[in-house]
């Protein structure tokens, strides 16, 4: 099972939904041009689609980009536009196009928590994809 480490210090969430036809090249350009960050930094950049049922995470690892995706079957991600007590490396406010989380907060978001209310999605159990 692949999951971001809870020890990640900075996870950059793009505030605005993205066109999920974009892959590594398109999202790395978004990181550089729209978010004004270095896509080669090794930091984790996370994006949501307009329907808020898909998340993509992009990061650079030694010799290439990695792209990870999660799709929800019934629920929607509670995508934060801001968080109380947002913390960035340079200030106490999330600035511009991104929100900064840590690894634990990202995992809570992936589990369906509304980070402001700390309530998760309900668990789903399926037997087949057919």
Protein backbone atom coordinates (compact mmCIF):
# COMPACT_ATOMS: atom_id res chain seq x y z
CA UNK A 1 0.00 0.00 0.00
CA UNK A 2 1.34 3.44 -0.92
CA UNK A 3 0.68 6.29 1.49
CA UNK A 4 2.52 9.56 2.15
CA UNK A 5 4.61 9.47 5.30
CA UNK A 6 3.20 11.24 8.34
CA UNK A 7 6.71 12.68 8.79
CA UNK A 8 6.54 14.88 5.66
CA UNK A 9 7.10 18.42 6.88
CA UNK A 10 5.55 20.36 3.98
CA UNK A 11 2.81 19.30 1.58
CA UNK A 12 1.71 21.97 -0.88
CA UNK A 13 -2.02 21.84 -1.76
CA UNK A 14 -3.10 23.79 -4.83
CA UNK A 15 -6.19 25.74 -3.81
CA UNK A 16 -7.83 25.75 -7.26
CA UNK A 17 -9.10 22.56 -8.96
CA UNK A 18 -7.03 21.31 -11.90
CA UNK A 19 -7.88 19.67 -15.21
CA UNK A 20 -7.06 16.01 -14.49
CA UNK A 21 -6.20 15.32 -18.10
CA UNK A 22 -2.88 16.87 -17.06
CA UNK A 23 -0.17 14.40 -16.25
CA UNK A 24 3.34 14.86 -14.93
CA UNK A 25 4.37 17.49 -17.49
CA UNK A 26 1.23 19.61 -17.14
CA UNK A 27 1.16 19.48 -13.34
CA UNK A 28 4.88 20.25 -13.02
CA UNK A 29 4.25 23.36 -15.14
CA UNK A 30 1.39 24.32 -12.79
CA UNK A 31 3.77 23.94 -9.84
CA UNK A 32 6.36 26.20 -11.45
CA UNK A 33 4.16 28.83 -13.12
CA UNK A 34 0.95 29.07 -11.07
CA UNK A 35 2.15 27.99 -7.63
CA UNK A 36 5.59 29.63 -8.00
CA UNK A 37 7.42 26.64 -6.50
CA UNK A 38 10.26 24.42 -7.67
CA UNK A 39 8.84 21.11 -8.97
CA UNK A 40 12.32 19.55 -8.55
CA UNK A 41 12.48 20.37 -4.82
CA UNK A 42 11.34 16.91 -3.70
CA UNK A 43 8.32 18.46 -1.98
CA UNK A 44 4.91 16.89 -2.41
CA UNK A 45 2.41 18.91 -4.49
CA UNK A 46 -1.24 17.87 -4.27
CA UNK A 47 -4.07 18.74 -6.67
CA UNK A 48 -7.83 18.16 -6.76
CA UNK A 49 -10.22 17.90 -9.70
CA UNK A 50 -13.34 20.04 -10.13
CA UNK A 51 -15.64 17.25 -8.89
CA UNK A 52 -13.49 16.86 -5.73
CA UNK A 53 -13.51 13.07 -6.08
CA UNK A 54 -9.90 12.72 -7.29
CA UNK A 55 -6.56 13.78 -5.88
CA UNK A 56 -3.18 13.71 -7.63
CA UNK A 57 0.15 14.04 -5.82
CA UNK A 58 3.33 14.96 -7.69
CA UNK A 59 6.92 14.90 -6.46
CA UNK A 60 10.47 14.64 -7.76
CA UNK A 61 12.47 11.63 -6.55
CA UNK A 62 16.19 11.55 -7.40
CA UNK A 63 15.96 10.94 -11.16
CA UNK A 64 12.34 11.50 -12.15
CA UNK A 65 8.84 12.60 -11.26
CA UNK A 66 6.35 10.39 -9.45
CA UNK A 67 2.60 10.85 -9.81
CA UNK A 68 0.11 9.27 -7.44
CA UNK A 69 -3.70 9.39 -7.67
CA UNK A 70 -6.66 8.51 -5.44
CA UNK A 71 -10.26 8.32 -6.70
CA UNK A 72 -13.26 8.20 -4.38
CA UNK A 73 -16.21 6.05 -5.35
CA UNK A 74 -19.02 7.91 -3.54
CA UNK A 75 -17.81 10.72 -1.31
CA UNK A 76 -16.05 14.01 -2.07
CA UNK A 77 -12.83 15.33 -0.58
CA UNK A 78 -13.31 18.20 1.84
CA UNK A 79 -10.77 20.43 0.08
CA UNK A 80 -9.69 23.26 2.35
CA UNK A 81 -9.50 26.79 1.00
CA UNK A 82 -7.75 27.84 4.21
CA UNK A 83 -7.05 26.30 7.57
CA UNK A 84 -7.03 27.89 11.00
CA UNK A 85 -3.40 28.34 11.95
CA UNK A 86 -2.00 27.73 8.44
CA UNK A 87 1.78 27.48 8.68
CA UNK A 88 4.22 27.95 5.82
CA UNK A 89 8.00 27.91 5.93
CA UNK A 90 8.10 31.72 5.65
CA UNK A 91 4.94 32.97 7.42
CA UNK A 92 1.96 32.08 9.56
CA UNK A 93 -0.54 32.44 6.67
CA UNK A 94 -1.04 30.29 3.58
CA UNK A 95 -0.12 32.66 0.77
CA UNK A 96 -1.44 32.80 -2.78
CA UNK A 97 -2.29 29.62 -4.61
CA UNK A 98 -1.29 27.00 -2.01
CA UNK A 99 -2.14 25.73 1.43
CA UNK A 100 0.59 24.05 3.44
CA UNK A 101 -0.11 20.82 5.31
CA UNK A 102 2.12 18.27 6.95
CA UNK A 103 2.08 14.54 6.18
CA UNK A 104 -0.36 13.69 8.98
CA UNK A 105 -2.86 16.32 7.79
CA UNK A 106 -2.57 15.02 4.21
CA UNK A 107 -3.34 11.50 5.38
CA UNK A 108 -6.35 12.78 7.30
CA UNK A 109 -7.51 14.53 4.10
CA UNK A 110 -7.02 11.29 2.12
CA UNK A 111 -9.05 9.45 4.77
CA UNK A 112 -11.90 11.89 4.17
CA UNK A 113 -11.52 14.18 7.12
CA UNK A 114 -12.79 17.70 6.90
CA UNK A 115 -9.66 19.24 8.38
CA UNK A 116 -11.67 22.09 9.92
CA UNK A 117 -14.21 19.75 11.59
CA UNK A 118 -12.08 16.56 11.83
CA UNK A 119 -14.87 14.24 10.59
CA UNK A 120 -14.00 11.37 8.15
CA UNK A 121 -15.88 9.83 5.22
CA UNK A 122 -17.76 6.66 6.01
CA UNK A 123 -15.89 3.44 5.21
CA UNK A 124 -17.04 1.53 2.13
CA UNK A 125 -16.68 -2.22 1.56
CA UNK A 126 -17.09 -3.82 -1.88
CA UNK A 127 -16.75 -7.43 -3.08
CA UNK A 128 -16.31 -6.80 -6.84
CA UNK A 129 -15.78 -4.00 -9.35
CA UNK A 130 -18.40 -5.48 -11.72
